[in-house]
Amino acid sequence: MNTSKIKSMYDSFVNKYGYEPTYVLSQIMWKYDEQTEEVFFKLDDGYDEEDDEQVFFSCHGIEDFIDIAKDESMDIDGGEDFIITNVFSMEERIC
Protein backbone atom coordinates (compact mmCIF):
# COMPACT_ATOMS: atom_id res chain seq x y z
CA MET A 1 0.00 0.00 0.00
CA ASN A 2 1.29 3.44 -0.90
CA THR A 3 1.90 5.08 2.47
CA SER A 4 2.46 8.51 0.92
CA LYS A 5 -1.20 8.41 -0.22
CA ILE A 6 -2.26 7.71 3.36
CA LYS A 7 -0.13 10.55 4.74
CA SER A 8 -1.49 12.93 2.09
CA MET A 9 -5.11 12.02 2.86
CA TYR A 10 -4.45 12.41 6.58
CA ASP A 11 -2.75 15.81 6.15
CA SER A 12 -5.56 17.02 3.88
CA PHE A 13 -8.16 16.03 6.47
CA VAL A 14 -6.30 17.79 9.29
CA ASN A 15 -5.74 20.93 7.18
CA LYS A 16 -9.40 21.07 6.15
CA TYR A 17 -11.04 20.35 9.53
CA GLY A 18 -8.39 21.32 12.06
CA TYR A 19 -8.43 17.99 13.91
CA GLU A 20 -7.40 14.40 13.30
CA PRO A 21 -9.72 11.85 11.70
CA THR A 22 -11.07 9.06 13.86
CA TYR A 23 -11.72 6.45 11.16
CA VAL A 24 -10.21 5.27 7.88
CA LEU A 25 -12.42 3.54 5.32
CA SER A 26 -10.20 0.96 3.63
CA GLN A 27 -10.20 -2.16 1.55
CA ILE A 28 -8.48 -5.24 2.94
CA MET A 29 -7.64 -8.56 1.39
CA TRP A 30 -7.65 -11.68 3.54
CA LYS A 31 -4.39 -13.59 3.20
CA TYR A 32 -5.95 -17.02 3.41
CA ASP A 33 -8.45 -16.68 0.52
CA GLU A 34 -7.61 -13.34 -1.17
CA GLN A 35 -11.20 -12.11 -0.76
CA THR A 36 -11.56 -8.33 -0.37
CA GLU A 37 -13.75 -6.35 1.96
CA GLU A 38 -14.38 -2.68 2.80
CA VAL A 39 -13.81 -1.99 6.49
CA PHE A 40 -13.34 0.83 8.98
CA PHE A 41 -10.14 1.15 10.97
CA LYS A 42 -10.31 3.28 14.11
CA LEU A 43 -7.30 5.51 14.72
CA ASP A 44 -7.48 5.23 18.48
CA ASP A 45 -7.92 2.20 20.67
CA GLY A 46 -10.59 3.69 22.92
CA TYR A 47 -13.73 1.61 23.22
CA ASP A 48 -16.95 3.15 21.93
CA GLU A 49 -20.06 1.00 22.20
CA GLU A 50 -21.74 2.90 19.36
CA ASP A 51 -19.13 1.97 16.75
CA ASP A 52 -17.98 -1.37 18.15
CA GLU A 53 -19.92 -3.41 15.58
CA GLN A 54 -18.71 -1.32 12.64
CA VAL A 55 -14.99 -1.06 13.46
CA PHE A 56 -12.88 -3.82 11.97
CA PHE A 57 -9.60 -2.94 13.68
CA SER A 58 -8.39 -0.34 16.19
CA CYS A 59 -4.97 1.25 15.82
CA HIS A 60 -2.82 3.41 18.10
CA GLY A 61 -3.00 6.41 15.78
CA ILE A 62 -2.11 7.11 12.17
CA GLU A 63 1.48 5.82 12.48
CA ASP A 64 0.23 2.43 13.66
CA PHE A 65 -2.20 2.32 10.73
CA ILE A 66 0.64 3.19 8.32
CA ASP A 67 2.80 0.42 9.79
CA ILE A 68 0.01 -2.09 9.16
CA ALA A 69 -0.47 -0.74 5.62
CA LYS A 70 3.26 -1.21 4.88
CA ASP A 71 2.99 -4.97 5.43
CA GLU A 72 2.22 -6.40 2.01
CA SER A 73 3.48 -9.89 2.76
CA MET A 74 1.06 -12.69 1.97
CA ASP A 75 2.80 -14.85 4.59
CA ILE A 76 -0.02 -16.11 6.81
CA ASP A 77 2.41 -16.89 9.64
CA GLY A 78 3.60 -13.29 10.05
CA GLY A 79 1.80 -10.06 10.87
CA GLU A 80 -1.95 -9.68 10.52
CA ASP A 81 -4.32 -12.06 8.68
CA PHE A 82 -4.99 -9.37 6.09
CA ILE A 83 -3.29 -6.68 4.05
CA ILE A 84 -4.61 -3.19 3.34
CA THR A 85 -5.06 -2.85 -0.42
CA ASN A 86 -6.71 0.56 -0.69
CA VAL A 87 -7.67 3.58 1.42
CA PHE A 88 -10.84 5.40 0.38
CA SER A 89 -11.34 8.13 2.96
CA MET A 90 -10.56 9.56 6.38
CA GLU A 91 -13.66 10.19 8.50
CA GLU A 92 -14.70 11.89 11.72
CA ARG A 93 -17.50 9.39 12.30
CA ILE A 94 -19.05 6.31 10.74
CA CYS A 95 -22.28 7.23 8.97
PDB file of N, CA and C in Angstrom:
ATOM      1  N   MET A   1       0.847  -1.179   0.000  1.00  0.00           N
ATOM      2  CA  MET A   1       0.000   0.000   0.000  1.00  0.00           C
ATOM      3  C   MET A   1       0.888   1.237   0.000  1.00  0.00           C
ATOM      4  N   ASN A   2       0.533   2.196  -0.778  1.00  0.00           N
ATOM      5  CA  ASN A   2       1.286   3.440  -0.901  1.00  0.00           C
ATOM      6  C   ASN A   2       1.074   4.310   0.349  1.00  0.00           C
ATOM      7  N   THR A   3       2.066   4.336   1.216  1.00  0.00           N
ATOM      8  CA  THR A   3       1.904   5.078   2.469  1.00  0.00           C
ATOM      9  C   THR A   3       1.911   6.588   2.264  1.00  0.00           C
ATOM     10  N   SER A   4       2.494   7.066   1.174  1.00  0.00           N
ATOM     11  CA  SER A   4       2.464   8.512   0.917  1.00  0.00           C
ATOM     12  C   SER A   4       1.033   8.963   0.625  1.00  0.00           C
ATOM     13  N   LYS A   5       0.226   8.101   0.007  1.00  0.00           N
ATOM     14  CA  LYS A   5      -1.198   8.407  -0.219  1.00  0.00           C
ATOM     15  C   LYS A   5      -1.917   8.547   1.120  1.00  0.00           C
ATOM     16  N   ILE A   6      -1.627   7.660   2.045  1.00  0.00           N
ATOM     17  CA  ILE A   6      -2.258   7.707   3.364  1.00  0.00           C
ATOM     18  C   ILE A   6      -1.879   9.005   4.078  1.00  0.00           C
ATOM     19  N   LYS A   7      -0.594   9.333   4.077  1.00  0.00           N
ATOM     20  CA  LYS A   7      -0.135  10.555   4.740  1.00  0.00           C
ATOM     21  C   LYS A   7      -0.762  11.786   4.114  1.00  0.00           C
ATOM     22  N   SER A   8      -0.882  11.803   2.792  1.00  0.00           N
ATOM     23  CA  SER A   8      -1.485  12.932   2.092  1.00  0.00           C
ATOM     24  C   SER A   8      -2.966  13.078   2.449  1.00  0.00           C
ATOM     25  N   MET A   9      -3.687  11.980   2.483  1.00  0.00           N
ATOM     26  CA  MET A   9      -5.106  12.018   2.857  1.00  0.00           C
ATOM     27  C   MET A   9      -5.273  12.500   4.296  1.00  0.00           C
ATOM     28  N   TYR A  10      -4.402  12.015   5.171  1.00  0.00           N
ATOM     29  CA  TYR A  10      -4.449  12.408   6.580  1.00  0.00           C
ATOM     30  C   TYR A  10      -4.170  13.914   6.718  1.00  0.00           C
ATOM     31  N   ASP A  11      -3.100  14.382   6.082  1.00  0.00           N
ATOM     32  CA  ASP A  11      -2.749  15.808   6.151  1.00  0.00           C
ATOM     33  C   ASP A  11      -3.857  16.688   5.574  1.00  0.00           C
ATOM     34  N   SER A  12      -4.461  16.256   4.482  1.00  0.00           N
ATOM     35  CA  SER A  12      -5.562  17.017   3.877  1.00  0.00           C
ATOM     36  C   SER A  12      -6.747  17.119   4.829  1.00  0.00           C
ATOM     37  N   PHE A  13      -7.059  16.028   5.502  1.00  0.00           N
ATOM     38  CA  PHE A  13      -8.161  16.032   6.467  1.00  0.00           C
ATOM     39  C   PHE A  13      -7.874  17.011   7.593  1.00  0.00           C
ATOM     40  N   VAL A  14      -6.674  16.924   8.171  1.00  0.00           N
ATOM     41  CA  VAL A  14      -6.295  17.791   9.292  1.00  0.00           C
ATOM     42  C   VAL A  14      -6.291  19.261   8.857  1.00  0.00           C
ATOM     43  N   ASN A  15      -5.768  19.546   7.678  1.00  0.00           N
ATOM     44  CA  ASN A  15      -5.738  20.926   7.181  1.00  0.00           C
ATOM     45  C   ASN A  15      -7.146  21.472   6.946  1.00  0.00           C
ATOM     46  N   LYS A  16      -8.038  20.633   6.451  1.00  0.00           N
ATOM     47  CA  LYS A  16      -9.402  21.068   6.148  1.00  0.00           C
ATOM     48  C   LYS A  16     -10.246  21.267   7.406  1.00  0.00           C
ATOM     49  N   TYR A  17     -10.150  20.334   8.368  1.00  0.00           N
ATOM     50  CA  TYR A  17     -11.040  20.353   9.527  1.00  0.00           C
ATOM     51  C   TYR A  17     -10.391  20.846  10.812  1.00  0.00           C
ATOM     52  N   GLY A  18      -9.079  20.838  10.871  1.00  0.00           N
ATOM     53  CA  GLY A  18      -8.391  21.319  12.063  1.00  0.00           C
ATOM     54  C   GLY A  18      -8.260  20.314  13.186  1.00  0.00           C
ATOM     55  N   TYR A  19      -8.591  19.067  12.912  1.00  0.00           N
ATOM     56  CA  TYR A  19      -8.427  17.991  13.905  1.00  0.00           C
ATOM     57  C   TYR A  19      -8.173  16.687  13.163  1.00  0.00           C
ATOM     58  N   GLU A  20      -7.754  15.686  13.902  1.00  0.00           N
ATOM     59  CA  GLU A  20      -7.402  14.405  13.305  1.00  0.00           C
ATOM     60  C   GLU A  20      -8.636  13.556  13.026  1.00  0.00           C
ATOM     61  N   PRO A  21      -8.616  12.774  11.953  1.00  0.00           N
ATOM     62  CA  PRO A  21      -9.724  11.855  11.700  1.00  0.00           C
ATOM     63  C   PRO A  21      -9.749  10.736  12.741  1.00  0.00           C
ATOM     64  N   THR A  22     -10.920  10.163  12.919  1.00  0.00           N
ATOM     65  CA  THR A  22     -11.072   9.057  13.860  1.00  0.00           C
ATOM     66  C   THR A  22     -11.081   7.712  13.146  1.00  0.00           C
ATOM     67  N   TYR A  23     -11.554   7.702  11.900  1.00  0.00           N
ATOM     68  CA  TYR A  23     -11.724   6.452  11.159  1.00  0.00           C
ATOM     69  C   TYR A  23     -11.086   6.544   9.773  1.00  0.00           C
ATOM     70  N   VAL A  24     -10.706   5.378   9.246  1.00  0.00           N
ATOM     71  CA  VAL A  24     -10.212   5.269   7.879  1.00  0.00           C
ATOM     72  C   VAL A  24     -11.021   4.166   7.193  1.00  0.00           C
ATOM     73  N   LEU A  25     -11.709   4.531   6.118  1.00  0.00           N
ATOM     74  CA  LEU A  25     -12.417   3.539   5.320  1.00  0.00           C
ATOM     75  C   LEU A  25     -11.421   2.947   4.330  1.00  0.00           C
ATOM     76  N   SER A  26     -11.235   1.641   4.407  1.00  0.00           N
ATOM     77  CA  SER A  26     -10.201   0.965   3.628  1.00  0.00           C
ATOM     78  C   SER A  26     -10.721  -0.321   3.023  1.00  0.00           C
ATOM     79  N   GLN A  27      -9.947  -0.834   2.083  1.00  0.00           N
ATOM     80  CA  GLN A  27     -10.201  -2.162   1.549  1.00  0.00           C
ATOM     81  C   GLN A  27      -9.090  -3.071   2.049  1.00  0.00           C
ATOM     82  N   ILE A  28      -9.471  -4.236   2.529  1.00  0.00           N
ATOM     83  CA  ILE A  28      -8.485  -5.240   2.938  1.00  0.00           C
ATOM     84  C   ILE A  28      -8.631  -6.466   2.048  1.00  0.00           C
ATOM     85  N   MET A  29      -7.580  -7.264   2.037  1.00  0.00           N
ATOM     86  CA  MET A  29      -7.638  -8.564   1.394  1.00  0.00           C
ATOM     87  C   MET A  29      -7.179  -9.593   2.422  1.00  0.00           C
ATOM     88  N   TRP A  30      -8.013 -10.603   2.623  1.00  0.00           N
ATOM     89  CA  TRP A  30      -7.654 -11.678   3.545  1.00  0.00           C
ATOM     90  C   TRP A  30      -6.556 -12.527   2.925  1.00  0.00           C
ATOM     91  N   LYS A  31      -5.530 -12.821   3.699  1.00  0.00           N
ATOM     92  CA  LYS A  31      -4.391 -13.587   3.197  1.00  0.00           C
ATOM     93  C   LYS A  31      -4.756 -15.030   2.855  1.00  0.00           C
ATOM     94  N   TYR A  32      -5.677 -15.608   3.590  1.00  0.00           N
ATOM     95  CA  TYR A  32      -5.953 -17.024   3.414  1.00  0.00           C
ATOM     96  C   TYR A  32      -6.815 -17.341   2.192  1.00  0.00           C
ATOM     97  N   ASP A  33      -7.631 -16.377   1.692  1.00  0.00           N
ATOM     98  CA  ASP A  33      -8.449 -16.682   0.518  1.00  0.00           C
ATOM     99  C   ASP A  33      -8.473 -15.562  -0.531  1.00  0.00           C
ATOM    100  N   GLU A  34      -7.745 -14.484  -0.263  1.00  0.00           N
ATOM    101  CA  GLU A  34      -7.614 -13.344  -1.167  1.00  0.00           C
ATOM    102  C   GLU A  34      -8.937 -12.636  -1.472  1.00  0.00           C
ATOM    103  N   GLN A  35      -9.934 -12.836  -0.636  1.00  0.00           N
ATOM    104  CA  GLN A  35     -11.198 -12.105  -0.761  1.00  0.00           C
ATOM    105  C   GLN A  35     -11.004 -10.695  -0.214  1.00  0.00           C
ATOM    106  N   THR A  36     -11.670  -9.715  -0.823  1.00  0.00           N
ATOM    107  CA  THR A  36     -11.555  -8.330  -0.373  1.00  0.00           C
ATOM    108  C   THR A  36     -12.820  -7.893   0.352  1.00  0.00           C
ATOM    109  N   GLU A  37     -12.647  -6.843   1.149  1.00  0.00           N
ATOM    110  CA  GLU A  37     -13.747  -6.348   1.965  1.00  0.00           C
ATOM    111  C   GLU A  37     -13.468  -4.890   2.319  1.00  0.00           C
ATOM    112  N   GLU A  38     -14.513  -4.060   2.329  1.00  0.00           N
ATOM    113  CA  GLU A  38     -14.375  -2.684   2.798  1.00  0.00           C
ATOM    114  C   GLU A  38     -14.640  -2.652   4.296  1.00  0.00           C
ATOM    115  N   VAL A  39     -13.727  -1.997   5.035  1.00  0.00           N
ATOM    116  CA  VAL A  39     -13.814  -1.985   6.489  1.00  0.00           C
ATOM    117  C   VAL A  39     -13.396  -0.623   7.040  1.00  0.00           C
ATOM    118  N   PHE A  40     -13.786  -0.364   8.268  1.00  0.00           N
ATOM    119  CA  PHE A  40     -13.339   0.829   8.978  1.00  0.00           C
ATOM    120  C   PHE A  40     -12.262   0.458   9.985  1.00  0.00           C
ATOM    121  N   PHE A  41     -11.161   1.198   9.939  1.00  0.00           N
ATOM    122  CA  PHE A  41     -10.136   1.151  10.971  1.00  0.00           C
ATOM    123  C   PHE A  41     -10.369   2.354  11.875  1.00  0.00           C
ATOM    124  N   LYS A  42     -10.217   2.176  13.156  1.00  0.00           N
ATOM    125  CA  LYS A  42     -10.312   3.282  14.106  1.00  0.00           C
ATOM    126  C   LYS A  42      -8.896   3.702  14.469  1.00  0.00           C
ATOM    127  N   LEU A  43      -8.653   5.008  14.476  1.00  0.00           N
ATOM    128  CA  LEU A  43      -7.301   5.510  14.719  1.00  0.00           C
ATOM    129  C   LEU A  43      -7.013   5.784  16.185  1.00  0.00           C
ATOM    130  N   ASP A  44      -7.819   5.252  17.058  1.00  0.00           N
ATOM    131  CA  ASP A  44      -7.475   5.225  18.483  1.00  0.00           C
ATOM    132  C   ASP A  44      -8.039   3.935  19.041  1.00  0.00           C
ATOM    133  N   ASP A  45      -7.493   3.489  20.126  1.00  0.00           N
ATOM    134  CA  ASP A  45      -7.917   2.202  20.668  1.00  0.00           C
ATOM    135  C   ASP A  45      -8.940   2.334  21.789  1.00  0.00           C
ATOM    136  N   GLY A  46      -9.548   3.507  21.919  1.00  0.00           N
ATOM    137  CA  GLY A  46     -10.591   3.694  22.922  1.00  0.00           C
ATOM    138  C   GLY A  46     -11.862   2.966  22.530  1.00  0.00           C
ATOM    139  N   TYR A  47     -12.502   2.361  23.489  1.00  0.00           N
ATOM    140  CA  TYR A  47     -13.731   1.608  23.223  1.00  0.00           C
ATOM    141  C   TYR A  47     -14.915   2.563  23.125  1.00  0.00           C
ATOM    142  N   ASP A  48     -15.729   2.368  22.117  1.00  0.00           N
ATOM    143  CA  ASP A  48     -16.946   3.146  21.932  1.00  0.00           C
ATOM    144  C   ASP A  48     -18.041   2.163  21.545  1.00  0.00           C
ATOM    145  N   GLU A  49     -19.002   1.980  22.423  1.00  0.00           N
ATOM    146  CA  GLU A  49     -20.062   1.000  22.203  1.00  0.00           C
ATOM    147  C   GLU A  49     -20.830   1.273  20.910  1.00  0.00           C
ATOM    148  N   GLU A  50     -20.975   2.544  20.547  1.00  0.00           N
ATOM    149  CA  GLU A  50     -21.742   2.905  19.356  1.00  0.00           C
ATOM    150  C   GLU A  50     -21.096   2.410  18.062  1.00  0.00           C
ATOM    151  N   ASP A  51     -19.778   2.384  18.002  1.00  0.00           N
ATOM    152  CA  ASP A  51     -19.130   1.971  16.754  1.00  0.00           C
ATOM    153  C   ASP A  51     -18.498   0.585  16.828  1.00  0.00           C
ATOM    154  N   ASP A  52     -18.648  -0.084  17.948  1.00  0.00           N
ATOM    155  CA  ASP A  52     -17.981  -1.368  18.149  1.00  0.00           C
ATOM    156  C   ASP A  52     -18.301  -2.388  17.052  1.00  0.00           C
ATOM    157  N   GLU A  53     -19.518  -2.447  16.608  1.00  0.00           N
ATOM    158  CA  GLU A  53     -19.923  -3.409  15.585  1.00  0.00           C
ATOM    159  C   GLU A  53     -19.401  -3.046  14.200  1.00  0.00           C
ATOM    160  N   GLN A  54     -19.106  -1.773  13.972  1.00  0.00           N
ATOM    161  CA  GLN A  54     -18.713  -1.319  12.636  1.00  0.00           C
ATOM    162  C   GLN A  54     -17.207  -1.202  12.452  1.00  0.00           C
ATOM    163  N   VAL A  55     -16.448  -1.198  13.538  1.00  0.00           N
ATOM    164  CA  VAL A  55     -14.994  -1.056  13.460  1.00  0.00           C
ATOM    165  C   VAL A  55     -14.357  -2.432  13.299  1.00  0.00           C
ATOM    166  N   PHE A  56     -13.578  -2.569  12.247  1.00  0.00           N
ATOM    167  CA  PHE A  56     -12.882  -3.821  11.972  1.00  0.00           C
ATOM    168  C   PHE A  56     -11.648  -3.973  12.846  1.00  0.00           C
ATOM    169  N   PHE A  57     -10.891  -2.862  13.018  1.00  0.00           N
ATOM    170  CA  PHE A  57      -9.596  -2.943  13.680  1.00  0.00           C
ATOM    171  C   PHE A  57      -9.276  -1.590  14.302  1.00  0.00           C
ATOM    172  N   SER A  58      -8.801  -1.584  15.523  1.00  0.00           N
ATOM    173  CA  SER A  58      -8.391  -0.339  16.188  1.00  0.00           C
ATOM    174  C   SER A  58      -6.878  -0.223  16.200  1.00  0.00           C
ATOM    175  N   CYS A  59      -6.398   0.967  15.877  1.00  0.00           N
ATOM    176  CA  CYS A  59      -4.969   1.251  15.824  1.00  0.00           C
ATOM    177  C   CYS A  59      -4.605   2.260  16.910  1.00  0.00           C
ATOM    178  N   HIS A  60      -3.328   2.407  17.159  1.00  0.00           N
ATOM    179  CA  HIS A  60      -2.820   3.405  18.103  1.00  0.00           C
ATOM    180  C   HIS A  60      -2.392   4.654  17.334  1.00  0.00           C
ATOM    181  N   GLY A  61      -3.303   5.201  16.535  1.00  0.00           N
ATOM    182  CA  GLY A  61      -3.000   6.412  15.783  1.00  0.00           C
ATOM    183  C   GLY A  61      -2.626   6.134  14.338  1.00  0.00           C
ATOM    184  N   ILE A  62      -2.373   7.203  13.605  1.00  0.00           N
ATOM    185  CA  ILE A  62      -2.106   7.107  12.170  1.00  0.00           C
ATOM    186  C   ILE A  62      -0.799   6.361  11.884  1.00  0.00           C
ATOM    187  N   GLU A  63       0.213   6.515  12.715  1.00  0.00           N
ATOM    188  CA  GLU A  63       1.483   5.820  12.476  1.00  0.00           C
ATOM    189  C   GLU A  63       1.318   4.308  12.589  1.00  0.00           C
ATOM    190  N   ASP A  64       0.507   3.854  13.528  1.00  0.00           N
ATOM    191  CA  ASP A  64       0.229   2.430  13.662  1.00  0.00           C
ATOM    192  C   ASP A  64      -0.505   1.916  12.422  1.00  0.00           C
ATOM    193  N   PHE A  65      -1.478   2.686  11.948  1.00  0.00           N
ATOM    194  CA  PHE A  65      -2.201   2.319  10.727  1.00  0.00           C
ATOM    195  C   PHE A  65      -1.234   2.222   9.538  1.00  0.00           C
ATOM    196  N   ILE A  66      -0.346   3.191   9.410  1.00  0.00           N
ATOM    197  CA  ILE A  66       0.639   3.187   8.324  1.00  0.00           C
ATOM    198  C   ILE A  66       1.549   1.970   8.418  1.00  0.00           C
ATOM    199  N   ASP A  67       1.964   1.614   9.625  1.00  0.00           N
ATOM    200  CA  ASP A  67       2.803   0.422   9.792  1.00  0.00           C
ATOM    201  C   ASP A  67       2.076  -0.834   9.314  1.00  0.00           C
ATOM    202  N   ILE A  68       0.793  -0.936   9.623  1.00  0.00           N
ATOM    203  CA  ILE A  68       0.007  -2.090   9.162  1.00  0.00           C
ATOM    204  C   ILE A  68      -0.109  -2.063   7.644  1.00  0.00           C
ATOM    205  N   ALA A  69      -0.324  -0.877   7.080  1.00  0.00           N
ATOM    206  CA  ALA A  69      -0.468  -0.743   5.621  1.00  0.00           C
ATOM    207  C   ALA A  69       0.823  -1.079   4.882  1.00  0.00           C
ATOM    208  N   LYS A  70       1.963  -0.896   5.516  1.00  0.00           N
ATOM    209  CA  LYS A  70       3.257  -1.208   4.883  1.00  0.00           C
ATOM    210  C   LYS A  70       3.443  -2.710   4.675  1.00  0.00           C
ATOM    211  N   ASP A  71       2.816  -3.520   5.502  1.00  0.00           N
ATOM    212  CA  ASP A  71       2.989  -4.972   5.434  1.00  0.00           C
ATOM    213  C   ASP A  71       2.183  -5.529   4.268  1.00  0.00           C
ATOM    214  N   GLU A  72       2.880  -5.851   3.183  1.00  0.00           N
ATOM    215  CA  GLU A  72       2.219  -6.401   2.005  1.00  0.00           C
ATOM    216  C   GLU A  72       2.521  -7.884   1.829  1.00  0.00           C
ATOM    217  N   SER A  73       3.134  -8.482   2.829  1.00  0.00           N
ATOM    218  CA  SER A  73       3.484  -9.891   2.759  1.00  0.00           C
ATOM    219  C   SER A  73       2.223 -10.759   2.812  1.00  0.00           C
ATOM    220  N   MET A  74       2.170 -11.747   1.951  1.00  0.00           N
ATOM    221  CA  MET A  74       1.057 -12.694   1.966  1.00  0.00           C
ATOM    222  C   MET A  74       1.348 -13.870   2.889  1.00  0.00           C
ATOM    223  N   ASP A  75       2.425 -13.799   3.646  1.00  0.00           N
ATOM    224  CA  ASP A  75       2.795 -14.853   4.587  1.00  0.00           C
ATOM    225  C   ASP A  75       1.768 -14.893   5.713  1.00  0.00           C
ATOM    226  N   ILE A  76       1.039 -15.967   5.803  1.00  0.00           N
ATOM    227  CA  ILE A  76      -0.017 -16.106   6.808  1.00  0.00           C
ATOM    228  C   ILE A  76       0.567 -16.209   8.217  1.00  0.00           C
ATOM    229  N   ASP A  77       1.798 -16.693   8.333  1.00  0.00           N
ATOM    230  CA  ASP A  77       2.407 -16.894   9.639  1.00  0.00           C
ATOM    231  C   ASP A  77       2.948 -15.607  10.266  1.00  0.00           C
ATOM    232  N   GLY A  78       3.034 -14.517   9.508  1.00  0.00           N
ATOM    233  CA  GLY A  78       3.599 -13.288  10.047  1.00  0.00           C
ATOM    234  C   GLY A  78       2.627 -12.135   9.943  1.00  0.00           C
ATOM    235  N   GLY A  79       2.638 -11.253  10.904  1.00  0.00           N
ATOM    236  CA  GLY A  79       1.803 -10.062  10.869  1.00  0.00           C
ATOM    237  C   GLY A  79       0.327 -10.365  11.044  1.00  0.00           C
ATOM    238  N   GLU A  80      -0.499  -9.528  10.425  1.00  0.00           N
ATOM    239  CA  GLU A  80      -1.949  -9.681  10.517  1.00  0.00           C
ATOM    240  C   GLU A  80      -2.436 -10.723   9.505  1.00  0.00           C
ATOM    241  N   ASP A  81      -3.711 -11.095   9.597  1.00  0.00           N
ATOM    242  CA  ASP A  81      -4.322 -12.056   8.682  1.00  0.00           C
ATOM    243  C   ASP A  81      -4.804 -11.401   7.397  1.00  0.00           C
ATOM    244  N   PHE A  82      -4.498 -10.133   7.227  1.00  0.00           N
ATOM    245  CA  PHE A  82      -4.987  -9.367   6.091  1.00  0.00           C
ATOM    246  C   PHE A  82      -3.923  -8.361   5.668  1.00  0.00           C
ATOM    247  N   ILE A  83      -4.089  -7.819   4.470  1.00  0.00           N
ATOM    248  CA  ILE A  83      -3.288  -6.676   4.055  1.00  0.00           C
ATOM    249  C   ILE A  83      -4.250  -5.565   3.623  1.00  0.00           C
ATOM    250  N   ILE A  84      -3.825  -4.329   3.781  1.00  0.00           N
ATOM    251  CA  ILE A  84      -4.614  -3.194   3.338  1.00  0.00           C
ATOM    252  C   ILE A  84      -4.273  -2.947   1.876  1.00  0.00           C
ATOM    253  N   THR A  85      -5.288  -2.994   1.015  1.00  0.00           N
ATOM    254  CA  THR A  85      -5.056  -2.855  -0.423  1.00  0.00           C
ATOM    255  C   THR A  85      -5.458  -1.487  -0.963  1.00  0.00           C
ATOM    256  N   ASN A  86      -6.305  -0.765  -0.235  1.00  0.00           N
ATOM    257  CA  ASN A  86      -6.711   0.563  -0.686  1.00  0.00           C
ATOM    258  C   ASN A  86      -7.237   1.354   0.502  1.00  0.00           C
ATOM    259  N   VAL A  87      -7.106   2.661   0.412  1.00  0.00           N
ATOM    260  CA  VAL A  87      -7.671   3.575   1.417  1.00  0.00           C
ATOM    261  C   VAL A  87      -8.579   4.530   0.665  1.00  0.00           C
ATOM    262  N   PHE A  88      -9.855   4.586   1.078  1.00  0.00           N
ATOM    263  CA  PHE A  88     -10.841   5.398   0.379  1.00  0.00           C
ATOM    264  C   PHE A  88     -11.021   6.784   0.992  1.00  0.00           C
ATOM    265  N   SER A  89     -11.074   6.832   2.331  1.00  0.00           N
ATOM    266  CA  SER A  89     -11.335   8.132   2.960  1.00  0.00           C
ATOM    267  C   SER A  89     -10.963   8.115   4.440  1.00  0.00           C
ATOM    268  N   MET A  90     -10.736   9.316   4.952  1.00  0.00           N
ATOM    269  CA  MET A  90     -10.562   9.563   6.383  1.00  0.00           C
ATOM    270  C   MET A  90     -11.869  10.190   6.867  1.00  0.00           C
ATOM    271  N   GLU A  91     -12.347   9.767   8.028  1.00  0.00           N
ATOM    272  CA  GLU A  91     -13.662  10.190   8.504  1.00  0.00           C
ATOM    273  C   GLU A  91     -13.621  10.602   9.968  1.00  0.00           C
ATOM    274  N   GLU A  92     -14.518  11.506  10.311  1.00  0.00           N
ATOM    275  CA  GLU A  92     -14.703  11.890  11.717  1.00  0.00           C
ATOM    276  C   GLU A  92     -15.573  10.855  12.423  1.00  0.00           C
ATOM    277  N   ARG A  93     -16.589  10.377  11.713  1.00  0.00           N
ATOM    278  CA  ARG A  93     -17.504   9.392  12.297  1.00  0.00           C
ATOM    279  C   ARG A  93     -17.943   8.416  11.213  1.00  0.00           C
ATOM    280  N   ILE A  94     -18.504   7.310  11.666  1.00  0.00           N
ATOM    281  CA  ILE A  94     -19.053   6.312  10.739  1.00  0.00           C
ATOM    282  C   ILE A  94     -20.514   6.672  10.523  1.00  0.00           C
ATOM    283  N   CYS A  95     -20.882   6.854   9.282  1.00  0.00           N
ATOM    284  CA  CYS A  95     -22.277   7.230   8.971  1.00  0.00           C
ATOM    285  C   CYS A  95     -23.133   6.022   8.768  1.00  0.00           C
TER     286      CYS A  95
END
